[in-house]
Amino acid sequence: MTNPTSEGKQADVESAETFPVRLKQALGDQSIRGFARECGFSDTVLRQYLNGQSEPTRPALLAIARTANVNLEWLAAGSATIKESTISLAEKYTYKNPLAFETDWLQKQFPDSFDNLLLTQMPDDSMEPTLHMGDLVLIDTRDRDLATVNHGIYLVKLGDRILVKRLQYVAGKILRVLSDHSAYETFAIGLPDESNELSLMGKIVWSGQKL
């Protein structure tokens, strides 16, 4: 029986310490689609992370660590242990790149959705004057069921595009997709209709902008 060489042992150690390997370990037996939805991004993005085709941004790492309930430092760099405190300074601050929100404030303002908040930016001017391009918005990623939409502003995926739109339910299981900017047209979709390619990523619950 041939003993593995020191080079082979080193290769095994290094391969076990790659981010995709740690991500697979964090994912466990959860489905890729379900886990990605909990994190607030598409399963295509998660598969790219798992295959080593791309690396997650800091907000994505935070979302993965929180969803998997694993240590952020371990997930990002392989240091520390998998089940230590998920986020450093979690006692006082929650980091939503590029801001640091005081945890007590977030928990008081959003007691039911605190663990499911995602920070992103307005991608265009379609919601002006309510929201401006580049404004920061917090998304409650629990609110993803088209069938329960009444009225509100949502982060949505339409085909391969990520948009922020106002959604309004009207009679006859019709959902209107509106922009506050008059230059953008309103359209409607029927419910349920899997061919419309519209899916929810969450409801906007807070916004911040430069004065």
Protein backbone atom coordinates (compact mmCIF):
# COMPACT_ATOMS: atom_id res chain seq x y z
CA MET A 1 0.00 0.00 0.00
CA THR A 2 1.45 3.34 -1.09
CA ASN A 3 1.47 6.20 1.39
CA PRO A 4 0.33 9.57 0.04
CA THR A 5 3.14 12.03 -0.56
CA SER A 6 3.52 15.21 1.49
CA GLU A 7 2.58 17.16 -1.64
CA GLY A 8 -0.64 15.17 -1.96
CA LYS A 9 -1.51 15.72 1.67
CA GLN A 10 -0.91 19.43 1.29
CA ALA A 11 -3.14 19.53 -1.80
CA ASP A 12 -5.94 17.80 0.10
CA VAL A 13 -5.66 20.32 2.94
CA GLU A 14 -5.68 23.26 0.57
CA SER A 15 -8.68 21.94 -1.39
CA ALA A 16 -10.58 21.48 1.86
CA GLU A 17 -9.91 25.09 2.75
CA THR A 18 -11.39 26.67 -0.39
CA PHE A 19 -14.48 28.84 -0.15
CA PRO A 20 -16.67 26.54 -2.33
CA VAL A 21 -15.90 23.62 0.02
CA ARG A 22 -16.84 25.69 3.07
CA LEU A 23 -19.97 26.93 1.34
CA LYS A 24 -21.05 23.37 0.55
CA GLN A 25 -20.46 22.47 4.19
CA ALA A 26 -22.55 25.46 5.33
CA LEU A 27 -25.30 24.57 2.85
CA GLY A 28 -25.54 21.02 4.18
CA ASP A 29 -28.61 19.17 2.90
CA GLN A 30 -30.61 22.31 2.13
CA SER A 31 -31.72 22.82 -1.46
CA ILE A 32 -29.74 25.33 -3.51
CA ARG A 33 -32.88 27.14 -4.64
CA GLY A 34 -34.35 27.39 -1.15
CA PHE A 35 -31.09 28.48 0.46
CA ALA A 36 -30.50 31.13 -2.22
CA ARG A 37 -34.00 32.54 -1.69
CA GLU A 38 -33.38 32.77 2.04
CA CYS A 39 -30.15 34.69 1.31
CA GLY A 40 -31.88 37.11 -1.02
CA PHE A 41 -30.25 36.20 -4.34
CA SER A 42 -30.84 33.75 -7.19
CA ASP A 43 -29.89 30.08 -7.25
CA THR A 44 -27.75 30.86 -10.34
CA VAL A 45 -25.59 33.18 -8.22
CA LEU A 46 -25.28 30.54 -5.48
CA ARG A 47 -24.26 27.89 -8.02
CA GLN A 48 -21.53 30.22 -9.29
CA TYR A 49 -20.22 30.53 -5.74
CA LEU A 50 -20.35 26.75 -5.27
CA ASN A 51 -18.52 26.14 -8.55
CA GLY A 52 -15.85 28.75 -7.82
CA GLN A 53 -16.91 30.83 -10.84
CA SER A 54 -17.32 33.98 -8.76
CA GLU A 55 -16.75 35.19 -5.22
CA PRO A 56 -19.47 36.68 -3.02
CA THR A 57 -19.57 40.33 -2.04
CA ARG A 58 -19.48 41.26 1.64
CA PRO A 59 -23.29 41.62 1.87
CA ALA A 60 -23.67 38.20 0.23
CA LEU A 61 -21.22 36.65 2.71
CA LEU A 62 -23.21 38.14 5.58
CA ALA A 63 -26.46 36.79 4.15
CA ILE A 64 -24.96 33.30 3.70
CA ALA A 65 -23.47 33.25 7.20
CA ARG A 66 -26.72 34.39 8.79
CA THR A 67 -28.87 31.97 6.78
CA ALA A 68 -26.58 28.99 7.47
CA ASN A 69 -25.96 30.08 11.08
CA VAL A 70 -22.21 29.75 10.68
CA ASN A 71 -19.25 31.89 11.65
CA LEU A 72 -18.60 34.69 9.15
CA GLU A 73 -14.82 34.58 9.67
CA TRP A 74 -14.79 30.83 9.07
CA LEU A 75 -16.94 31.16 5.94
CA ALA A 76 -14.83 33.94 4.43
CA ALA A 77 -11.32 32.76 5.30
CA GLY A 78 -11.48 29.32 6.91
CA SER A 79 -10.19 30.66 10.23
CA ALA A 80 -11.94 30.22 13.60
CA THR A 81 -14.52 27.46 13.95
CA ILE A 82 -17.71 26.96 12.03
CA LYS A 83 -20.16 27.52 14.90
CA GLU A 84 -18.63 30.47 16.72
CA SER A 85 -20.53 33.76 16.87
CA THR A 86 -21.72 34.46 13.34
CA ILE A 87 -20.81 38.14 13.11
CA SER A 88 -18.19 40.08 15.05
CA LEU A 89 -19.55 42.89 17.25
CA ALA A 90 -23.05 41.42 16.85
CA GLU A 91 -23.80 42.57 20.39
CA LYS A 92 -23.99 46.15 19.19
CA TYR A 93 -23.78 46.50 15.42
CA THR A 94 -25.09 44.73 12.37
CA TYR A 95 -23.10 45.50 9.24
CA LYS A 96 -25.03 46.00 6.04
CA ASN A 97 -22.34 47.14 3.62
CA PRO A 98 -21.55 50.04 3.38
CA LEU A 99 -23.34 51.01 6.63
CA ALA A 100 -23.32 49.83 10.20
CA PHE A 101 -26.77 49.77 11.76
CA GLU A 102 -27.15 49.65 15.52
CA THR A 103 -28.61 46.24 16.26
CA ASP A 104 -30.94 47.50 18.98
CA TRP A 105 -32.45 50.00 16.54
CA LEU A 106 -32.93 47.40 13.84
CA GLN A 107 -34.52 44.96 16.26
CA LYS A 108 -36.87 47.64 17.57
CA GLN A 109 -37.86 48.90 14.14
CA PHE A 110 -38.12 45.47 12.48
CA PRO A 111 -38.70 42.91 15.26
CA ASP A 112 -40.21 40.29 12.96
CA SER A 113 -37.83 40.66 10.02
CA PHE A 114 -34.52 41.54 11.73
CA ASP A 115 -32.82 38.27 10.75
CA ASN A 116 -34.02 38.55 7.14
CA LEU A 117 -33.00 42.08 6.15
CA LEU A 118 -30.96 42.75 3.01
CA LEU A 119 -29.39 46.10 2.07
CA THR A 120 -29.23 47.14 -1.57
CA GLN A 121 -29.31 50.27 -3.75
CA MET A 122 -31.91 51.64 -6.12
CA PRO A 123 -30.76 50.49 -9.58
CA ASP A 124 -32.51 53.23 -11.61
CA ASP A 125 -34.74 56.32 -11.45
CA SER A 126 -38.04 54.52 -12.08
CA MET A 127 -39.33 55.15 -8.54
CA GLU A 128 -38.61 58.89 -8.40
CA PRO A 129 -39.60 61.03 -6.56
CA THR A 130 -40.23 58.39 -3.86
CA LEU A 131 -36.84 56.71 -4.26
CA HIS A 132 -33.85 58.02 -6.19
CA MET A 133 -31.16 56.14 -8.09
CA GLY A 134 -28.49 55.07 -5.63
CA ASP A 135 -30.71 55.36 -2.54
CA LEU A 136 -30.08 52.64 0.03
CA VAL A 137 -33.03 50.41 0.83
CA LEU A 138 -33.58 47.64 3.36
CA ILE A 139 -35.47 44.61 2.07
CA ASP A 140 -37.53 42.19 4.17
CA THR A 141 -36.63 38.98 2.31
CA ARG A 142 -39.40 36.98 4.01
CA ASP A 143 -42.09 38.71 1.92
CA ARG A 144 -41.83 36.75 -1.36
CA ASP A 145 -45.29 35.38 -2.05
CA LEU A 146 -46.96 37.03 -5.06
CA ALA A 147 -50.31 35.65 -3.96
CA THR A 148 -50.27 37.66 -0.71
CA VAL A 149 -49.25 41.03 -2.18
CA ASN A 150 -51.65 43.83 -1.34
CA HIS A 151 -49.77 47.06 -1.96
CA GLY A 152 -46.16 48.10 -1.44
CA ILE A 153 -42.73 48.62 -2.99
CA TYR A 154 -40.78 45.44 -3.70
CA LEU A 155 -37.44 44.23 -5.00
CA VAL A 156 -38.43 41.99 -7.90
CA LYS A 157 -36.76 39.74 -10.45
CA LEU A 158 -38.21 40.06 -13.93
CA GLY A 159 -36.53 37.64 -16.28
CA ASP A 160 -32.82 38.32 -15.74
CA ARG A 161 -33.29 41.86 -14.42
CA ILE A 162 -33.49 43.04 -10.80
CA LEU A 163 -35.91 45.96 -10.36
CA VAL A 164 -37.64 47.96 -7.64
CA LYS A 165 -41.35 48.42 -8.37
CA ARG A 166 -44.59 49.31 -6.66
CA LEU A 167 -46.98 46.35 -6.71
CA GLN A 168 -50.75 46.62 -6.34
CA TYR A 169 -53.30 43.82 -6.20
CA VAL A 170 -56.56 44.49 -8.03
CA ALA A 171 -59.72 42.44 -8.51
CA GLY A 172 -59.63 39.28 -10.60
CA LYS A 173 -56.23 38.09 -9.37
CA ILE A 174 -54.42 40.81 -11.29
CA LEU A 175 -51.21 42.37 -10.02
CA ARG A 176 -50.27 45.81 -11.32
CA VAL A 177 -46.56 46.64 -11.59
CA LEU A 178 -46.08 50.39 -11.30
CA SER A 179 -43.26 52.93 -11.38
CA ASP A 180 -43.64 56.26 -9.58
CA HIS A 181 -41.78 58.01 -12.41
CA SER A 182 -44.26 59.01 -15.14
CA ALA A 183 -41.83 58.03 -17.91
CA TYR A 184 -42.19 54.33 -17.07
CA GLU A 185 -45.27 52.40 -18.16
CA THR A 186 -47.47 50.34 -15.87
CA PHE A 187 -48.17 46.72 -16.74
CA ALA A 188 -50.20 43.93 -15.21
CA ILE A 189 -49.77 40.19 -14.68
CA GLY A 190 -52.25 37.49 -13.82
CA LEU A 191 -52.00 35.28 -10.73
CA PRO A 192 -50.99 32.55 -10.73
CA ASP A 193 -48.99 32.63 -13.96
CA GLU A 194 -45.56 30.97 -13.97
CA SER A 195 -44.87 32.26 -17.49
CA ASN A 196 -44.66 35.91 -16.40
CA GLU A 197 -41.07 35.47 -15.10
CA LEU A 198 -41.80 37.83 -12.19
CA SER A 199 -40.68 36.76 -8.73
CA LEU A 200 -40.35 38.63 -5.45
CA MET A 201 -37.06 39.05 -3.62
CA GLY A 202 -38.59 40.99 -0.74
CA LYS A 203 -40.47 44.11 0.36
CA ILE A 204 -38.79 47.46 0.96
CA VAL A 205 -39.19 48.49 4.61
CA TRP A 206 -36.67 51.37 4.90
CA SER A 207 -34.82 53.79 2.66
CA GLY A 208 -32.00 56.30 3.12
CA GLN A 209 -30.64 58.96 0.79
CA LYS A 210 -28.03 61.69 0.54
CA LEU A 211 -29.29 65.16 1.50
